[in-house]
Amino acid sequence: MSRHPPDTKRASTTLSNDLNDLGFGPDLASHVPEHLDGDSFIARVAADHGALLTLIGRGPPLVARPGVPTDPLDRPSVGDWVIARYTGGDPPAMVTALLPRRTVLVRQSTGLAARPQILAANVDRVLVVTSMNKDFNVNRLERYLAVVAASGAEGVVVVHKADLEPAGERAWRARLGAIPSAFRVVFTSVVVEGGLRPLEPLLEPGGTIALIGSSGVGKSTLSNHLLGGDLQRVQSQRLDDDRGRHTTTGRRLFVLPGDRGLLIDTPGMRELGLWSGTGLAEAFADIERLERSCRYRDCGHGSEEGCAVQDALSDGRLDERRWEHHLKLQREAEFQERRRSKAESRASGRAFAKQVRAHKKEAW
């Protein structure tokens, strides 16, 4: 990333050619001013250090301040495309604009406040990594798929450590539950020859994949093999409980070798709260279809006559566990919506009170 970008007269025609290996395309180019000033440039966020960001673009990585957005969803995160400006200070750059996102992966931030946390932005495919060990949990997997579906990105279930299951893929497909056809399922292993071959169709020039999952499922091991080096520190699992330890400490964007696109690796997550319920319909598409088949439009799916959900539960087409988990996630999403509404109302009240005080001060 040179001190001065190329001639601004050529910027509108050369940007996508210079940055397309990082995922820049015509959809983003249309949102960039035709003539950037001499100190402004386009970059992608490769790492988020809290108060500072690492940006990548035409030249070496550069550290920049993210600015001070009032809405957490407007803060640049890993995978975002931004317009930044050289400041000549320390750090040497400042983000001045956030370009529109194609997709954004968001969870409820840990803690009591209703606050979103962006996990990754502008991702084409999110790989939800689980593993064939004792820590496998289908409820957790369904939660991940609901979050992924809400992001707008394609969701892929990666069942890693396939070598640990003697019964093979068929037995595990049964354990995975009723995963909707919208989500691909692939089985991988790093100890079996060709065990990562199922991931190759998911990689493409300029495309971005993100790995998410709980700690110990093998995300860092997968990352290292895809990157061709030990770039992510890997710790062995504790043999007594089959759980891994956190090996990725922050979200980072990597360029994959061999013109295979980009990879965002994320730390193992112990909590994945829903920020919204928009992904539930896709993650539980089978239940959505049943609910639309009920005789009455306002069916409560209890004892009503002609309830397709209860019929499916009775004859075994719908698993009781999956139905109960769907209801639980619905309640969580509704609770989150109420919390957001209250927080927005309080923020609006504070802003109004501030305006009133300013008006009174001016009147005096």
Protein backbone atom coordinates (compact mmCIF):
# COMPACT_ATOMS: atom_id res chain seq x y z
CA MET A 1 0.00 0.00 0.00
CA SER A 2 2.07 2.85 -1.29
CA ARG A 3 2.14 6.26 0.32
CA HIS A 4 0.20 7.67 -2.63
CA PRO A 5 -2.39 5.70 -4.62
CA PRO A 6 -2.24 5.55 -8.43
CA ASP A 7 -3.43 8.46 -10.56
CA THR A 8 -6.99 9.19 -9.44
CA LYS A 9 -8.08 9.63 -13.05
CA ARG A 10 -7.46 5.91 -13.53
CA ALA A 11 -8.89 4.85 -10.15
CA SER A 12 -12.39 3.96 -11.33
CA THR A 13 -11.08 1.54 -13.98
CA THR A 14 -8.14 0.01 -12.12
CA LEU A 15 -9.46 -0.53 -8.60
CA SER A 16 -11.19 -3.85 -9.27
CA ASN A 17 -8.19 -5.07 -11.29
CA ASP A 18 -5.74 -4.19 -8.49
CA LEU A 19 -7.83 -5.54 -5.61
CA ASN A 20 -9.87 -8.36 -7.13
CA ASP A 21 -7.60 -10.98 -5.58
CA LEU A 22 -8.83 -9.69 -2.21
CA GLY A 23 -12.49 -9.94 -3.21
CA PHE A 24 -13.12 -6.45 -4.59
CA GLY A 25 -15.67 -6.41 -7.40
CA PRO A 26 -17.98 -4.22 -9.50
CA ASP A 27 -20.64 -4.20 -6.76
CA LEU A 28 -18.22 -2.35 -4.47
CA ALA A 29 -16.64 -0.20 -7.19
CA SER A 30 -19.98 1.49 -7.79
CA HIS A 31 -19.87 2.86 -4.22
CA VAL A 32 -16.37 4.36 -4.52
CA PRO A 33 -15.95 8.01 -5.54
CA GLU A 34 -14.56 8.19 -9.06
CA HIS A 35 -11.76 10.46 -7.93
CA LEU A 36 -10.22 9.73 -4.54
CA ASP A 37 -7.91 12.43 -3.26
CA GLY A 38 -4.19 11.75 -3.18
CA ASP A 39 -4.12 10.58 0.45
CA SER A 40 -7.17 8.29 0.31
CA PHE A 41 -7.14 4.62 -0.64
CA ILE A 42 -9.29 1.48 -0.57
CA ALA A 43 -8.39 -1.44 1.66
CA ARG A 44 -9.83 -4.50 3.34
CA VAL A 45 -9.74 -5.12 7.10
CA ALA A 46 -7.48 -8.09 7.80
CA ALA A 47 -7.39 -7.94 11.60
CA ASP A 48 -9.21 -6.15 14.40
CA HIS A 49 -7.08 -5.24 17.43
CA GLY A 50 -9.76 -3.23 19.22
CA ALA A 51 -8.51 0.34 19.03
CA LEU A 52 -6.63 -0.36 15.79
CA LEU A 53 -7.17 -2.28 12.55
CA THR A 54 -4.77 -3.93 10.14
CA LEU A 55 -5.61 -3.06 6.53
CA ILE A 56 -4.45 -4.82 3.38
CA GLY A 57 -4.62 -3.55 -0.17
CA ARG A 58 -2.19 -2.71 -2.92
CA GLY A 59 0.94 -2.76 -0.79
CA PRO A 60 2.19 -3.90 2.65
CA PRO A 61 -0.31 -4.16 5.55
CA LEU A 62 -1.04 -0.87 7.26
CA VAL A 63 -2.34 -0.01 10.74
CA ALA A 64 -5.30 2.37 10.97
CA ARG A 65 -7.78 3.76 13.46
CA PRO A 66 -11.36 2.60 12.84
CA GLY A 67 -13.02 5.94 13.51
CA VAL A 68 -15.73 6.41 16.14
CA PRO A 69 -19.10 5.15 14.82
CA THR A 70 -22.08 5.53 17.16
CA ASP A 71 -23.62 2.21 16.09
CA PRO A 72 -21.54 -0.96 16.74
CA LEU A 73 -22.80 -2.37 13.43
CA ASP A 74 -21.15 0.56 11.64
CA ARG A 75 -17.73 -0.21 13.07
CA PRO A 76 -15.35 -1.81 10.53
CA SER A 77 -14.66 -5.48 11.22
CA VAL A 78 -12.58 -8.24 9.69
CA GLY A 79 -13.55 -8.69 6.04
CA ASP A 80 -14.94 -5.18 5.61
CA TRP A 81 -13.95 -2.95 2.72
CA VAL A 82 -13.16 0.63 3.72
CA ILE A 83 -11.89 3.92 2.40
CA ALA A 84 -9.02 5.15 4.54
CA ARG A 85 -6.81 8.20 4.55
CA TYR A 86 -3.13 8.61 5.29
CA THR A 87 -2.66 10.84 8.34
CA GLY A 88 1.11 11.03 8.57
CA GLY A 89 0.85 10.25 12.27
CA ASP A 90 0.84 7.20 14.49
CA PRO A 91 -0.99 5.13 13.38
CA PRO A 92 -0.43 6.22 9.80
CA ALA A 93 -4.04 5.95 8.62
CA MET A 94 -7.66 6.52 9.61
CA VAL A 95 -10.78 4.84 8.21
CA THR A 96 -13.07 7.49 6.74
CA ALA A 97 -15.84 5.38 5.17
CA LEU A 98 -17.25 1.87 5.39
CA LEU A 99 -18.30 0.40 2.04
CA PRO A 100 -21.60 -1.52 1.85
CA ARG A 101 -21.46 -5.13 3.01
CA ARG A 102 -22.67 -8.03 0.91
CA THR A 103 -22.98 -10.26 3.96
CA VAL A 104 -22.35 -9.83 7.68
CA LEU A 105 -22.07 -12.49 10.37
CA VAL A 106 -23.35 -11.12 13.69
CA ARG A 107 -23.94 -12.53 17.15
CA GLN A 108 -25.20 -11.11 20.40
CA SER A 109 -22.14 -9.89 22.27
CA THR A 110 -21.30 -11.67 25.50
CA GLY A 111 -22.56 -9.84 28.56
CA LEU A 112 -25.88 -8.44 29.69
CA ALA A 113 -26.18 -5.49 27.31
CA ALA A 114 -28.07 -5.87 24.04
CA ARG A 115 -25.09 -5.23 21.81
CA PRO A 116 -24.12 -6.88 18.51
CA GLN A 117 -20.68 -8.24 17.71
CA ILE A 118 -19.62 -8.63 14.09
CA LEU A 119 -17.70 -11.85 13.54
CA ALA A 120 -16.93 -11.36 9.83
CA ALA A 121 -18.10 -9.33 6.86
CA ASN A 122 -18.30 -9.87 3.10
CA VAL A 123 -18.03 -13.64 3.40
CA ASP A 124 -19.22 -15.85 0.54
CA ARG A 125 -19.31 -19.11 2.48
CA VAL A 126 -19.32 -19.75 6.22
CA LEU A 127 -17.91 -23.15 7.17
CA VAL A 128 -19.44 -24.32 10.45
CA VAL A 129 -16.86 -26.74 11.76
CA THR A 130 -17.85 -29.56 14.09
CA SER A 131 -15.98 -32.76 14.80
CA MET A 132 -16.53 -36.45 15.31
CA ASN A 133 -15.76 -36.46 18.99
CA LYS A 134 -17.64 -36.55 22.28
CA ASP A 135 -18.19 -32.79 22.19
CA PHE A 136 -20.54 -32.98 19.18
CA ASN A 137 -23.84 -31.25 19.92
CA VAL A 138 -26.64 -31.04 17.35
CA ASN A 139 -28.37 -28.19 19.22
CA ARG A 140 -25.20 -26.13 19.01
CA LEU A 141 -24.92 -26.90 15.31
CA GLU A 142 -28.50 -25.74 14.68
CA ARG A 143 -27.76 -22.49 16.54
CA TYR A 144 -24.71 -21.87 14.35
CA LEU A 145 -26.73 -22.51 11.20
CA ALA A 146 -29.39 -20.01 12.30
CA VAL A 147 -26.70 -17.33 12.77
CA VAL A 148 -25.12 -18.17 9.41
CA ALA A 149 -28.47 -18.09 7.61
CA ALA A 150 -29.11 -14.59 8.99
CA SER A 151 -25.77 -13.39 7.56
CA GLY A 152 -26.76 -13.85 3.92
CA ALA A 153 -23.74 -16.07 3.22
CA GLU A 154 -23.87 -19.69 2.08
CA GLY A 155 -23.60 -22.11 4.99
CA VAL A 156 -21.55 -25.31 4.86
CA VAL A 157 -21.30 -27.90 7.64
CA VAL A 158 -17.78 -29.30 7.91
CA VAL A 159 -17.64 -32.50 9.95
CA HIS A 160 -13.94 -32.65 10.80
CA LYS A 161 -11.85 -35.50 12.19
CA ALA A 162 -13.83 -38.01 10.13
CA ASP A 163 -11.16 -40.57 10.92
CA LEU A 164 -12.48 -40.78 14.51
CA GLU A 165 -15.76 -42.42 13.44
CA PRO A 166 -15.43 -46.09 12.50
CA ALA A 167 -19.03 -46.23 11.27
CA GLY A 168 -18.26 -43.62 8.61
CA GLU A 169 -20.28 -40.85 7.01
CA ARG A 170 -23.61 -42.66 6.88
CA ALA A 171 -23.81 -42.98 10.67
CA TRP A 172 -22.87 -39.32 11.12
CA ARG A 173 -25.37 -38.03 8.62
CA ALA A 174 -28.02 -39.62 10.80
CA ARG A 175 -26.60 -37.88 13.88
CA LEU A 176 -26.56 -34.50 12.16
CA GLY A 177 -30.33 -34.34 12.26
CA ALA A 178 -32.62 -32.75 9.69
CA ILE A 179 -30.19 -30.22 8.23
CA PRO A 180 -31.99 -28.37 5.41
CA SER A 181 -30.73 -28.97 1.88
CA ALA A 182 -29.65 -25.32 1.68
CA PHE A 183 -26.62 -26.28 3.78
CA ARG A 184 -23.98 -28.49 2.24
CA VAL A 185 -22.32 -31.13 4.44
CA VAL A 186 -18.71 -32.24 3.88
CA PHE A 187 -16.49 -34.63 5.85
CA THR A 188 -12.81 -33.87 6.35
CA SER A 189 -9.70 -35.24 8.01
CA VAL A 190 -6.08 -34.12 8.10
CA VAL A 191 -4.71 -37.58 8.89
CA VAL A 192 -6.31 -39.38 5.94
CA GLU A 193 -4.80 -38.94 2.49
CA GLY A 194 -7.03 -36.65 0.48
CA GLY A 195 -9.06 -35.87 3.59
CA LEU A 196 -9.30 -32.15 2.77
CA ARG A 197 -10.24 -32.65 -0.87
CA PRO A 198 -13.96 -31.97 -0.14
CA LEU A 199 -13.04 -28.37 0.73
CA GLU A 200 -11.46 -27.57 -2.64
CA PRO A 201 -14.78 -26.87 -4.46
CA LEU A 202 -15.54 -24.26 -1.78
CA LEU A 203 -12.42 -22.22 -2.62
CA GLU A 204 -12.35 -19.83 -5.56
CA PRO A 205 -10.29 -16.83 -6.69
CA GLY A 206 -11.48 -13.68 -4.95
CA GLY A 207 -13.94 -15.62 -2.78
CA THR A 208 -13.92 -15.45 1.01
CA ILE A 209 -14.66 -18.30 3.39
CA ALA A 210 -14.94 -18.05 7.17
CA LEU A 211 -14.40 -20.82 9.69
CA ILE A 212 -16.53 -20.78 12.83
CA GLY A 213 -17.15 -23.34 15.55
CA SER A 214 -16.52 -24.14 19.18
CA SER A 215 -13.04 -24.63 20.62
CA GLY A 216 -11.26 -27.86 19.79
CA VAL A 217 -13.14 -28.87 16.65
CA GLY A 218 -10.05 -28.40 14.50
CA LYS A 219 -10.50 -24.96 12.91
CA SER A 220 -6.87 -23.94 13.41
CA THR A 221 -5.64 -27.27 12.05
CA LEU A 222 -7.82 -26.80 8.97
CA SER A 223 -6.56 -23.24 8.58
CA ASN A 224 -2.93 -24.32 8.75
CA HIS A 225 -3.42 -26.98 6.10
CA LEU A 226 -5.28 -24.61 3.79
CA LEU A 227 -2.65 -21.91 4.29
CA GLY A 228 0.22 -24.32 3.83
CA GLY A 229 1.97 -23.44 7.06
CA ASP A 230 1.73 -23.34 10.84
CA LEU A 231 0.31 -19.82 10.92
CA GLN A 232 -2.27 -20.57 13.58
CA ARG A 233 -1.05 -22.05 16.84
CA VAL A 234 -2.58 -25.46 17.52
CA GLN A 235 -2.83 -27.16 20.89
CA SER A 236 -3.63 -30.80 21.42
CA GLN A 237 -6.95 -31.85 22.89
CA ARG A 238 -7.24 -32.90 26.49
CA LEU A 239 -7.60 -36.62 26.31
CA ASP A 240 -9.82 -36.91 29.36
CA ASP A 241 -12.76 -34.91 27.96
CA ASP A 242 -12.02 -34.72 24.22
CA ARG A 243 -12.17 -30.93 24.30
CA GLY A 244 -9.69 -28.69 22.58
CA ARG A 245 -8.28 -25.42 23.81
CA HIS A 246 -8.63 -22.02 22.19
CA THR A 247 -5.86 -21.74 19.60
CA THR A 248 -7.02 -18.70 17.63
CA THR A 249 -7.06 -15.56 19.75
CA GLY A 250 -8.57 -13.12 17.26
CA ARG A 251 -10.34 -12.93 13.93
CA ARG A 252 -7.95 -12.63 11.01
CA LEU A 253 -8.16 -12.55 7.24
CA PHE A 254 -5.61 -14.59 5.29
CA VAL A 255 -4.89 -14.82 1.57
CA LEU A 256 -4.85 -18.49 0.56
CA PRO A 257 -1.98 -19.65 -1.65
CA GLY A 258 -2.58 -20.83 -5.19
CA ASP A 259 -5.19 -18.19 -6.06
CA ARG A 260 -7.84 -19.95 -3.95
CA GLY A 261 -9.38 -16.91 -2.34
CA LEU A 262 -9.30 -15.72 1.26
CA LEU A 263 -9.90 -17.26 4.68
CA ILE A 264 -11.22 -15.68 7.87
CA ASP A 265 -10.44 -17.74 10.96
CA THR A 266 -12.25 -17.01 14.21
CA PRO A 267 -11.60 -18.04 17.83
CA GLY A 268 -13.57 -20.93 19.27
CA MET A 269 -16.81 -19.60 20.76
CA ARG A 270 -18.33 -20.78 24.01
CA GLU A 271 -21.38 -18.57 23.48
CA LEU A 272 -23.25 -17.79 20.29
CA GLY A 273 -26.29 -15.71 21.11
CA LEU A 274 -28.77 -14.83 18.38
CA TRP A 275 -28.75 -11.17 17.39
CA SER A 276 -31.92 -11.66 15.36
CA GLY A 277 -34.28 -14.45 14.39
CA THR A 278 -34.08 -13.86 10.64
CA GLY A 279 -32.12 -17.05 10.04
CA LEU A 280 -34.50 -19.42 11.83
CA ALA A 281 -36.75 -19.96 8.81
CA GLU A 282 -33.83 -21.24 6.73
CA ALA A 283 -32.15 -23.22 9.52
CA PHE A 284 -35.48 -24.92 10.33
CA ALA A 285 -36.94 -25.02 6.84
CA ASP A 286 -38.63 -28.36 7.49
CA ILE A 287 -40.56 -26.92 10.43
CA GLU A 288 -41.45 -23.80 8.48
CA ARG A 289 -42.99 -25.97 5.76
CA LEU A 290 -45.01 -27.90 8.34
CA GLU A 291 -46.29 -24.72 9.96
CA ARG A 292 -47.49 -23.42 6.60
CA SER A 293 -49.37 -26.70 6.11
CA CYS A 294 -51.54 -26.35 9.21
CA ARG A 295 -55.27 -26.11 8.58
CA TYR A 296 -55.55 -22.78 10.39
CA ARG A 297 -53.29 -19.84 9.63
CA ASP A 298 -53.11 -18.84 13.32
CA CYS A 299 -52.42 -22.39 14.53
CA GLY A 300 -50.56 -22.43 17.85
CA HIS A 301 -49.20 -25.94 17.15
CA GLY A 302 -50.66 -27.31 20.34
CA SER A 303 -53.96 -29.20 20.44
CA GLU A 304 -55.57 -27.53 17.43
CA GLU A 305 -57.28 -29.75 14.91
CA GLY A 306 -55.41 -30.12 11.64
CA CYS A 307 -52.00 -29.09 13.07
CA ALA A 308 -49.36 -30.41 10.66
CA VAL A 309 -46.62 -29.97 13.27
CA GLN A 310 -48.37 -32.18 15.84
CA ASP A 311 -49.13 -34.76 13.15
CA ALA A 312 -45.44 -34.86 12.21
CA LEU A 313 -44.42 -35.20 15.86
CA SER A 314 -46.90 -38.05 16.33
CA ASP A 315 -45.77 -40.11 13.35
CA GLY A 316 -42.05 -39.44 13.84
CA ARG A 317 -41.43 -37.23 10.80
CA LEU A 318 -40.40 -34.40 13.14
CA ASP A 319 -38.04 -35.07 16.00
CA GLU A 320 -39.25 -33.80 19.39
CA ARG A 321 -35.79 -32.49 20.26
CA ARG A 322 -35.59 -30.43 17.05
CA TRP A 323 -39.06 -28.96 17.61
CA GLU A 324 -38.29 -27.99 21.21
CA HIS A 325 -34.98 -26.44 20.20
CA HIS A 326 -36.71 -24.46 17.46
CA LEU A 327 -39.16 -23.08 20.04
CA LYS A 328 -36.28 -22.21 22.37
CA LEU A 329 -34.45 -20.26 19.67
CA GLN A 330 -37.68 -18.48 18.73
CA ARG A 331 -38.14 -17.36 22.34
CA GLU A 332 -34.52 -16.21 22.49
CA ALA A 333 -34.93 -14.19 19.29
CA GLU A 334 -38.14 -12.58 20.58
CA PHE A 335 -36.45 -11.73 23.89
CA GLN A 336 -33.51 -10.23 22.01
CA GLU A 337 -35.88 -8.12 19.92
CA ARG A 338 -37.51 -6.73 23.07
CA ARG A 339 -34.10 -5.92 24.55
CA ARG A 340 -33.03 -4.13 21.38
CA SER A 341 -36.24 -2.11 21.30
CA LYS A 342 -35.78 -1.02 24.92
CA ALA A 343 -32.13 -0.11 24.32
CA GLU A 344 -33.04 1.91 21.21
CA SER A 345 -35.82 3.67 23.12
CA ARG A 346 -33.43 4.61 25.95
CA ALA A 347 -30.83 5.86 23.47
CA SER A 348 -33.47 7.96 21.69
CA GLY A 349 -34.59 9.42 25.03
CA ARG A 350 -31.03 10.35 25.97
CA ALA A 351 -30.47 12.00 22.58
CA PHE A 352 -33.70 14.02 22.95
CA ALA A 353 -32.77 15.11 26.47
CA LYS A 354 -29.37 16.22 25.21
CA GLN A 355 -31.03 18.33 22.50
CA VAL A 356 -33.35 19.92 25.07
CA ARG A 357 -30.42 20.84 27.32
CA ALA A 358 -28.53 22.32 24.38
CA HIS A 359 -31.58 24.36 23.37
CA LYS A 360 -32.04 25.71 26.90
CA LYS A 361 -28.35 26.62 27.05
CA GLU A 362 -28.61 28.54 23.79
CA ALA A 363 -31.77 30.33 25.02
CA TRP A 364 -29.91 31.64 28.04
